[in-house]
PDB file of all heavy atoms in Angstrom:
ATOM      1  N   MET A   1       9.861  -5.737   6.463  1.00  0.00           N
ATOM      2  CA  MET A   1      10.240  -7.078   6.037  1.00  0.00           C
ATOM      3  C   MET A   1       9.791  -7.370   4.606  1.00  0.00           C
ATOM      4  O   MET A   1      10.497  -8.039   3.843  1.00  0.00           O
ATOM      5  CB  MET A   1       9.673  -8.131   6.996  1.00  0.00           C
ATOM      6  CG  MET A   1      10.305  -8.109   8.382  1.00  0.00           C
ATOM      7  SD  MET A   1      12.087  -8.456   8.346  1.00  0.00           S
ATOM      8  CE  MET A   1      12.764  -6.819   8.595  1.00  0.00           C
ATOM      9  N   ALA A   2       8.639  -6.854   4.217  1.00  0.00           N
ATOM     10  CA  ALA A   2       8.156  -7.057   2.845  1.00  0.00           C
ATOM     11  C   ALA A   2       9.063  -6.357   1.845  1.00  0.00           C
ATOM     12  O   ALA A   2       9.401  -6.927   0.792  1.00  0.00           O
ATOM     13  CB  ALA A   2       6.716  -6.554   2.703  1.00  0.00           C
ATOM     14  N   MET A   3       9.472  -5.132   2.173  1.00  0.00           N
ATOM     15  CA  MET A   3      10.370  -4.410   1.268  1.00  0.00           C
ATOM     16  C   MET A   3      11.727  -5.111   1.191  1.00  0.00           C
ATOM     17  O   MET A   3      12.303  -5.232   0.103  1.00  0.00           O
ATOM     18  CB  MET A   3      10.540  -2.963   1.733  1.00  0.00           C
ATOM     19  CG  MET A   3       9.290  -2.114   1.571  1.00  0.00           C
ATOM     20  SD  MET A   3       8.771  -1.904  -0.152  1.00  0.00           S
ATOM     21  CE  MET A   3      10.129  -0.923  -0.777  1.00  0.00           C
ATOM     22  N   LEU A   4      12.225  -5.588   2.315  1.00  0.00           N
ATOM     23  CA  LEU A   4      13.503  -6.298   2.325  1.00  0.00           C
ATOM     24  C   LEU A   4      13.391  -7.609   1.544  1.00  0.00           C
ATOM     25  O   LEU A   4      14.255  -7.942   0.726  1.00  0.00           O
ATOM     26  CB  LEU A   4      13.952  -6.564   3.761  1.00  0.00           C
ATOM     27  CG  LEU A   4      15.292  -7.263   3.929  1.00  0.00           C
ATOM     28  CD1 LEU A   4      16.424  -6.424   3.347  1.00  0.00           C
ATOM     29  CD2 LEU A   4      15.544  -7.539   5.401  1.00  0.00           C
ATOM     30  N   ALA A   5      12.317  -8.362   1.787  1.00  0.00           N
ATOM     31  CA  ALA A   5      12.121  -9.632   1.086  1.00  0.00           C
ATOM     32  C   ALA A   5      11.994  -9.411  -0.420  1.00  0.00           C
ATOM     33  O   ALA A   5      12.602 -10.135  -1.222  1.00  0.00           O
ATOM     34  CB  ALA A   5      10.885 -10.355   1.623  1.00  0.00           C
ATOM     35  N   ALA A   6      11.211  -8.425  -0.822  1.00  0.00           N
ATOM     36  CA  ALA A   6      11.029  -8.145  -2.248  1.00  0.00           C
ATOM     37  C   ALA A   6      12.344  -7.708  -2.886  1.00  0.00           C
ATOM     38  O   ALA A   6      12.671  -8.119  -4.006  1.00  0.00           O
ATOM     39  CB  ALA A   6       9.944  -7.088  -2.450  1.00  0.00           C
ATOM     40  N   SER A   7      13.109  -6.908  -2.166  1.00  0.00           N
ATOM     41  CA  SER A   7      14.399  -6.443  -2.682  1.00  0.00           C
ATOM     42  C   SER A   7      15.366  -7.605  -2.865  1.00  0.00           C
ATOM     43  O   SER A   7      15.984  -7.764  -3.925  1.00  0.00           O
ATOM     44  CB  SER A   7      14.988  -5.409  -1.727  1.00  0.00           C
ATOM     45  OG  SER A   7      16.292  -5.051  -2.125  1.00  0.00           O
ATOM     46  N   ARG A   8      15.479  -8.436  -1.849  1.00  0.00           N
ATOM     47  CA  ARG A   8      16.410  -9.566  -1.936  1.00  0.00           C
ATOM     48  C   ARG A   8      15.941 -10.595  -2.965  1.00  0.00           C
ATOM     49  O   ARG A   8      16.763 -11.184  -3.678  1.00  0.00           O
ATOM     50  CB  ARG A   8      16.595 -10.198  -0.565  1.00  0.00           C
ATOM     51  CG  ARG A   8      17.397  -9.281   0.346  1.00  0.00           C
ATOM     52  CD  ARG A   8      17.658  -9.887   1.681  1.00  0.00           C
ATOM     53  NE  ARG A   8      18.522  -9.004   2.467  1.00  0.00           N
ATOM     54  CZ  ARG A   8      18.896  -9.257   3.702  1.00  0.00           C
ATOM     55  NH1 ARG A   8      18.482 -10.361   4.304  1.00  0.00           N
ATOM     56  NH2 ARG A   8      19.677  -8.412   4.342  1.00  0.00           N
ATOM     57  N   PHE A   9      14.652 -10.795  -3.045  1.00  0.00           N
ATOM     58  CA  PHE A   9      14.102 -11.696  -4.059  1.00  0.00           C
ATOM     59  C   PHE A   9      14.436 -11.166  -5.451  1.00  0.00           C
ATOM     60  O   PHE A   9      14.872 -11.916  -6.328  1.00  0.00           O
ATOM     61  CB  PHE A   9      12.589 -11.829  -3.875  1.00  0.00           C
ATOM     62  CG  PHE A   9      11.898 -12.536  -5.008  1.00  0.00           C
ATOM     63  CD1 PHE A   9      12.037 -13.912  -5.166  1.00  0.00           C
ATOM     64  CD2 PHE A   9      11.118 -11.835  -5.902  1.00  0.00           C
ATOM     65  CE1 PHE A   9      11.411 -14.571  -6.221  1.00  0.00           C
ATOM     66  CE2 PHE A   9      10.487 -12.485  -6.957  1.00  0.00           C
ATOM     67  CZ  PHE A   9      10.640 -13.856  -7.120  1.00  0.00           C
ATOM     68  N   THR A  10      14.263  -9.872  -5.653  1.00  0.00           N
ATOM     69  CA  THR A  10      14.527  -9.260  -6.954  1.00  0.00           C
ATOM     70  C   THR A  10      15.998  -9.393  -7.322  1.00  0.00           C
ATOM     71  O   THR A  10      16.333  -9.773  -8.452  1.00  0.00           O
ATOM     72  CB  THR A  10      14.095  -7.780  -6.949  1.00  0.00           C
ATOM     73  OG1 THR A  10      12.702  -7.715  -6.626  1.00  0.00           O
ATOM     74  CG2 THR A  10      14.336  -7.124  -8.291  1.00  0.00           C
ATOM     75  N   VAL A  11      16.879  -9.105  -6.379  1.00  0.00           N
ATOM     76  CA  VAL A  11      18.317  -9.234  -6.650  1.00  0.00           C
ATOM     77  C   VAL A  11      18.652 -10.683  -7.005  1.00  0.00           C
ATOM     78  O   VAL A  11      19.390 -10.944  -7.963  1.00  0.00           O
ATOM     79  CB  VAL A  11      19.160  -8.737  -5.450  1.00  0.00           C
ATOM     80  CG1 VAL A  11      20.634  -9.099  -5.623  1.00  0.00           C
ATOM     81  CG2 VAL A  11      19.012  -7.227  -5.271  1.00  0.00           C
ATOM     82  N   GLY A  12      18.098 -11.631  -6.267  1.00  0.00           N
ATOM     83  CA  GLY A  12      18.352 -13.040  -6.554  1.00  0.00           C
ATOM     84  C   GLY A  12      17.859 -13.456  -7.920  1.00  0.00           C
ATOM     85  O   GLY A  12      18.558 -14.178  -8.658  1.00  0.00           O
ATOM     86  N   CYS A  13      16.671 -13.012  -8.280  1.00  0.00           N
ATOM     87  CA  CYS A  13      16.123 -13.346  -9.596  1.00  0.00           C
ATOM     88  C   CYS A  13      16.993 -12.773 -10.712  1.00  0.00           C
ATOM     89  O   CYS A  13      17.294 -13.461 -11.694  1.00  0.00           O
ATOM     90  CB  CYS A  13      14.698 -12.808  -9.738  1.00  0.00           C
ATOM     91  SG  CYS A  13      13.467 -13.780  -8.875  1.00  0.00           S
ATOM     92  N   VAL A  14      17.400 -11.530 -10.560  1.00  0.00           N
ATOM     93  CA  VAL A  14      18.227 -10.894 -11.592  1.00  0.00           C
ATOM     94  C   VAL A  14      19.601 -11.554 -11.640  1.00  0.00           C
ATOM     95  O   VAL A  14      20.158 -11.766 -12.727  1.00  0.00           O
ATOM     96  CB  VAL A  14      18.331  -9.374 -11.369  1.00  0.00           C
ATOM     97  CG1 VAL A  14      19.344  -8.741 -12.315  1.00  0.00           C
ATOM     98  CG2 VAL A  14      16.962  -8.719 -11.553  1.00  0.00           C
ATOM     99  N   LEU A  15      20.145 -11.908 -10.495  1.00  0.00           N
ATOM    100  CA  LEU A  15      21.432 -12.597 -10.464  1.00  0.00           C
ATOM    101  C   LEU A  15      21.352 -13.899 -11.267  1.00  0.00           C
ATOM    102  O   LEU A  15      22.223 -14.195 -12.100  1.00  0.00           O
ATOM    103  CB  LEU A  15      21.834 -12.879  -9.017  1.00  0.00           C
ATOM    104  CG  LEU A  15      23.188 -13.512  -8.793  1.00  0.00           C
ATOM    105  CD1 LEU A  15      24.298 -12.581  -9.240  1.00  0.00           C
ATOM    106  CD2 LEU A  15      23.357 -13.837  -7.313  1.00  0.00           C
ATOM    107  N   GLU A  16      20.294 -14.668 -11.052  1.00  0.00           N
ATOM    108  CA  GLU A  16      20.097 -15.916 -11.800  1.00  0.00           C
ATOM    109  C   GLU A  16      19.909 -15.629 -13.294  1.00  0.00           C
ATOM    110  O   GLU A  16      20.473 -16.319 -14.141  1.00  0.00           O
ATOM    111  CB  GLU A  16      18.882 -16.671 -11.264  1.00  0.00           C
ATOM    112  CG  GLU A  16      19.085 -17.278  -9.898  1.00  0.00           C
ATOM    113  CD  GLU A  16      20.016 -18.483  -9.908  1.00  0.00           C
ATOM    114  OE1 GLU A  16      20.226 -19.096 -10.978  1.00  0.00           O
ATOM    115  OE2 GLU A  16      20.528 -18.822  -8.834  1.00  0.00           O
ATOM    116  N   GLU A  17      19.120 -14.626 -13.596  1.00  0.00           N
ATOM    117  CA  GLU A  17      18.847 -14.301 -14.996  1.00  0.00           C
ATOM    118  C   GLU A  17      20.118 -13.854 -15.715  1.00  0.00           C
ATOM    119  O   GLU A  17      20.396 -14.270 -16.842  1.00  0.00           O
ATOM    120  CB  GLU A  17      17.780 -13.205 -15.077  1.00  0.00           C
ATOM    121  CG  GLU A  17      17.316 -12.902 -16.462  1.00  0.00           C
ATOM    122  CD  GLU A  17      16.093 -12.010 -16.505  1.00  0.00           C
ATOM    123  OE1 GLU A  17      15.484 -11.747 -15.442  1.00  0.00           O
ATOM    124  OE2 GLU A  17      15.739 -11.581 -17.613  1.00  0.00           O
ATOM    125  N   GLN A  18      20.913 -13.017 -15.055  1.00  0.00           N
ATOM    126  CA  GLN A  18      22.133 -12.542 -15.693  1.00  0.00           C
ATOM    127  C   GLN A  18      23.178 -13.658 -15.805  1.00  0.00           C
ATOM    128  O   GLN A  18      23.932 -13.703 -16.770  1.00  0.00           O
ATOM    129  CB  GLN A  18      22.684 -11.334 -14.940  1.00  0.00           C
ATOM    130  CG  GLN A  18      21.794 -10.117 -15.149  1.00  0.00           C
ATOM    131  CD  GLN A  18      22.260  -8.876 -14.405  1.00  0.00           C
ATOM    132  OE1 GLN A  18      22.821  -8.948 -13.318  1.00  0.00           O
ATOM    133  NE2 GLN A  18      22.006  -7.722 -15.004  1.00  0.00           N
ATOM    134  N   ALA A  19      23.205 -14.570 -14.860  1.00  0.00           N
ATOM    135  CA  ALA A  19      24.134 -15.697 -14.926  1.00  0.00           C
ATOM    136  C   ALA A  19      23.726 -16.675 -16.024  1.00  0.00           C
ATOM    137  O   ALA A  19      24.570 -17.363 -16.598  1.00  0.00           O
ATOM    138  CB  ALA A  19      24.184 -16.413 -13.583  1.00  0.00           C
ATOM    139  N   ASP A  20      22.450 -16.717 -16.327  1.00  0.00           N
ATOM    140  CA  ASP A  20      21.891 -17.657 -17.290  1.00  0.00           C
ATOM    141  C   ASP A  20      21.930 -17.115 -18.714  1.00  0.00           C
ATOM    142  O   ASP A  20      21.616 -17.830 -19.653  1.00  0.00           O
ATOM    143  CB  ASP A  20      20.445 -17.972 -16.888  1.00  0.00           C
ATOM    144  CG  ASP A  20      19.886 -19.187 -17.601  1.00  0.00           C
ATOM    145  OD1 ASP A  20      20.656 -20.096 -17.934  1.00  0.00           O
ATOM    146  OD2 ASP A  20      18.664 -19.216 -17.802  1.00  0.00           O
ATOM    147  N   SER A  21      22.342 -15.874 -18.904  1.00  0.00           N
ATOM    148  CA  SER A  21      22.220 -15.235 -20.217  1.00  0.00           C
ATOM    149  C   SER A  21      23.037 -15.930 -21.306  1.00  0.00           C
ATOM    150  O   SER A  21      22.673 -15.890 -22.460  1.00  0.00           O
ATOM    151  CB  SER A  21      22.599 -13.753 -20.138  1.00  0.00           C
ATOM    152  OG  SER A  21      23.963 -13.626 -19.769  1.00  0.00           O
ATOM    153  N   GLY A  22      24.124 -16.591 -20.941  1.00  0.00           N
ATOM    154  CA  GLY A  22      24.926 -17.265 -21.950  1.00  0.00           C
ATOM    155  C   GLY A  22      24.767 -18.772 -21.946  1.00  0.00           C
ATOM    156  O   GLY A  22      25.458 -19.470 -22.684  1.00  0.00           O
ATOM    157  N   ALA A  23      23.867 -19.267 -21.120  1.00  0.00           N
ATOM    158  CA  ALA A  23      23.692 -20.719 -20.992  1.00  0.00           C
ATOM    159  C   ALA A  23      22.891 -21.268 -22.173  1.00  0.00           C
ATOM    160  O   ALA A  23      22.049 -20.588 -22.735  1.00  0.00           O
ATOM    161  CB  ALA A  23      22.971 -21.040 -19.687  1.00  0.00           C
ATOM    162  N   PRO A  24      23.156 -22.535 -22.516  1.00  0.00           N
ATOM    163  CA  PRO A  24      22.347 -23.155 -23.579  1.00  0.00           C
ATOM    164  C   PRO A  24      20.891 -23.276 -23.151  1.00  0.00           C
ATOM    165  O   PRO A  24      20.588 -23.277 -21.967  1.00  0.00           O
ATOM    166  CB  PRO A  24      22.983 -24.538 -23.756  1.00  0.00           C
ATOM    167  CG  PRO A  24      23.918 -24.724 -22.619  1.00  0.00           C
ATOM    168  CD  PRO A  24      24.151 -23.395 -21.966  1.00  0.00           C
ATOM    169  N   ASP A  25      20.001 -23.362 -24.092  1.00  0.00           N
ATOM    170  CA  ASP A  25      18.562 -23.394 -23.824  1.00  0.00           C
ATOM    171  C   ASP A  25      18.077 -24.768 -23.394  1.00  0.00           C
ATOM    172  O   ASP A  25      17.272 -25.390 -24.073  1.00  0.00           O
ATOM    173  CB  ASP A  25      17.767 -22.921 -25.045  1.00  0.00           C
ATOM    174  CG  ASP A  25      18.034 -21.470 -25.361  1.00  0.00           C
ATOM    175  OD1 ASP A  25      18.330 -20.707 -24.421  1.00  0.00           O
ATOM    176  OD2 ASP A  25      17.963 -21.108 -26.548  1.00  0.00           O
ATOM    177  N   GLY A  26      18.539 -25.251 -22.266  1.00  0.00           N
ATOM    178  CA  GLY A  26      18.037 -26.487 -21.698  1.00  0.00           C
ATOM    179  C   GLY A  26      18.382 -27.731 -22.473  1.00  0.00           C
ATOM    180  O   GLY A  26      17.696 -28.744 -22.371  1.00  0.00           O
ATOM    181  N   GLU A  27      19.446 -27.694 -23.238  1.00  0.00           N
ATOM    182  CA  GLU A  27      19.812 -28.851 -24.060  1.00  0.00           C
ATOM    183  C   GLU A  27      20.136 -30.073 -23.214  1.00  0.00           C
ATOM    184  O   GLU A  27      19.876 -31.195 -23.628  1.00  0.00           O
ATOM    185  CB  GLU A  27      21.013 -28.496 -24.938  1.00  0.00           C
ATOM    186  CG  GLU A  27      20.706 -27.427 -25.955  1.00  0.00           C
ATOM    187  CD  GLU A  27      21.965 -26.932 -26.653  1.00  0.00           C
ATOM    188  OE1 GLU A  27      23.059 -27.451 -26.395  1.00  0.00           O
ATOM    189  OE2 GLU A  27      21.847 -26.008 -27.464  1.00  0.00           O
ATOM    190  N   ASP A  28      20.717 -29.864 -22.034  1.00  0.00           N
ATOM    191  CA  ASP A  28      21.136 -30.983 -21.193  1.00  0.00           C
ATOM    192  C   ASP A  28      20.080 -31.365 -20.153  1.00  0.00           C
ATOM    193  O   ASP A  28      20.344 -32.204 -19.300  1.00  0.00           O
ATOM    194  CB  ASP A  28      22.442 -30.633 -20.463  1.00  0.00           C
ATOM    195  CG  ASP A  28      23.585 -30.410 -21.434  1.00  0.00           C
ATOM    196  OD1 ASP A  28      23.577 -31.035 -22.515  1.00  0.00           O
ATOM    197  OD2 ASP A  28      24.479 -29.611 -21.115  1.00  0.00           O
ATOM    198  N   LEU A  29      18.923 -30.774 -20.213  1.00  0.00           N
ATOM    199  CA  LEU A  29      17.889 -31.039 -19.218  1.00  0.00           C
ATOM    200  C   LEU A  29      17.024 -32.230 -19.641  1.00  0.00           C
ATOM    201  O   LEU A  29      16.782 -32.438 -20.837  1.00  0.00           O
ATOM    202  CB  LEU A  29      16.988 -29.810 -19.039  1.00  0.00           C
ATOM    203  CG  LEU A  29      17.672 -28.558 -18.508  1.00  0.00           C
ATOM    204  CD1 LEU A  29      16.696 -27.385 -18.500  1.00  0.00           C
ATOM    205  CD2 LEU A  29      18.230 -28.798 -17.115  1.00  0.00           C
ATOM    206  N   PRO A  30      16.535 -32.997 -18.673  1.00  0.00           N
ATOM    207  CA  PRO A  30      15.602 -34.083 -19.011  1.00  0.00           C
ATOM    208  C   PRO A  30      14.339 -33.514 -19.659  1.00  0.00           C
ATOM    209  O   PRO A  30      13.974 -32.354 -19.433  1.00  0.00           O
ATOM    210  CB  PRO A  30      15.271 -34.708 -17.652  1.00  0.00           C
ATOM    211  CG  PRO A  30      16.230 -34.144 -16.674  1.00  0.00           C
ATOM    212  CD  PRO A  30      16.806 -32.903 -17.257  1.00  0.00           C
ATOM    213  N   ASP A  31      13.668 -34.325 -20.454  1.00  0.00           N
ATOM    214  CA  ASP A  31      12.467 -33.884 -21.160  1.00  0.00           C
ATOM    215  C   ASP A  31      11.363 -33.428 -20.221  1.00  0.00           C
ATOM    216  O   ASP A  31      10.574 -32.552 -20.570  1.00  0.00           O
ATOM    217  CB  ASP A  31      11.926 -35.007 -22.059  1.00  0.00           C
ATOM    218  CG  ASP A  31      12.851 -35.265 -23.240  1.00  0.00           C
ATOM    219  OD1 ASP A  31      13.629 -34.361 -23.597  1.00  0.00           O
ATOM    220  OD2 ASP A  31      12.795 -36.381 -23.787  1.00  0.00           O
ATOM    221  N   ASP A  32      11.287 -34.012 -19.012  1.00  0.00           N
ATOM    222  CA  ASP A  32      10.213 -33.659 -18.091  1.00  0.00           C
ATOM    223  C   ASP A  32      10.594 -32.520 -17.132  1.00  0.00           C
ATOM    224  O   ASP A  32       9.846 -32.205 -16.221  1.00  0.00           O
ATOM    225  CB  ASP A  32       9.765 -34.886 -17.291  1.00  0.00           C
ATOM    226  CG  ASP A  32      10.874 -35.461 -16.427  1.00  0.00           C
ATOM    227  OD1 ASP A  32      12.060 -35.140 -16.661  1.00  0.00           O
ATOM    228  OD2 ASP A  32      10.546 -36.238 -15.513  1.00  0.00           O
ATOM    229  N   PHE A  33      11.728 -31.888 -17.361  1.00  0.00           N
ATOM    230  CA  PHE A  33      12.152 -30.772 -16.509  1.00  0.00           C
ATOM    231  C   PHE A  33      11.402 -29.512 -16.929  1.00  0.00           C
ATOM    232  O   PHE A  33      11.434 -29.123 -18.100  1.00  0.00           O
ATOM    233  CB  PHE A  33      13.666 -30.543 -16.652  1.00  0.00           C
ATOM    234  CG  PHE A  33      14.223 -29.588 -15.652  1.00  0.00           C
ATOM    235  CD1 PHE A  33      14.593 -30.032 -14.388  1.00  0.00           C
ATOM    236  CD2 PHE A  33      14.380 -28.243 -15.948  1.00  0.00           C
ATOM    237  CE1 PHE A  33      15.111 -29.156 -13.448  1.00  0.00           C
ATOM    238  CE2 PHE A  33      14.893 -27.354 -15.028  1.00  0.00           C
ATOM    239  CZ  PHE A  33      15.266 -27.819 -13.762  1.00  0.00           C
ATOM    240  N   PRO A  34      10.696 -28.867 -15.986  1.00  0.00           N
ATOM    241  CA  PRO A  34       9.931 -27.681 -16.366  1.00  0.00           C
ATOM    242  C   PRO A  34      10.856 -26.490 -16.662  1.00  0.00           C
ATOM    243  O   PRO A  34      11.754 -26.184 -15.889  1.00  0.00           O
ATOM    244  CB  PRO A  34       9.078 -27.392 -15.129  1.00  0.00           C
ATOM    245  CG  PRO A  34       9.819 -28.006 -13.996  1.00  0.00           C
ATOM    246  CD  PRO A  34      10.571 -29.178 -14.561  1.00  0.00           C
TER     247      PRO A  34
END
């Protein structure tokens, strides 16, 4: 389960990172958004 969780977590993180590669740098985010 740890290997499966780590694998799926990693794929999800990379999916988000690759989808975000062309996004603006938080221009539309509120000032208090981390």
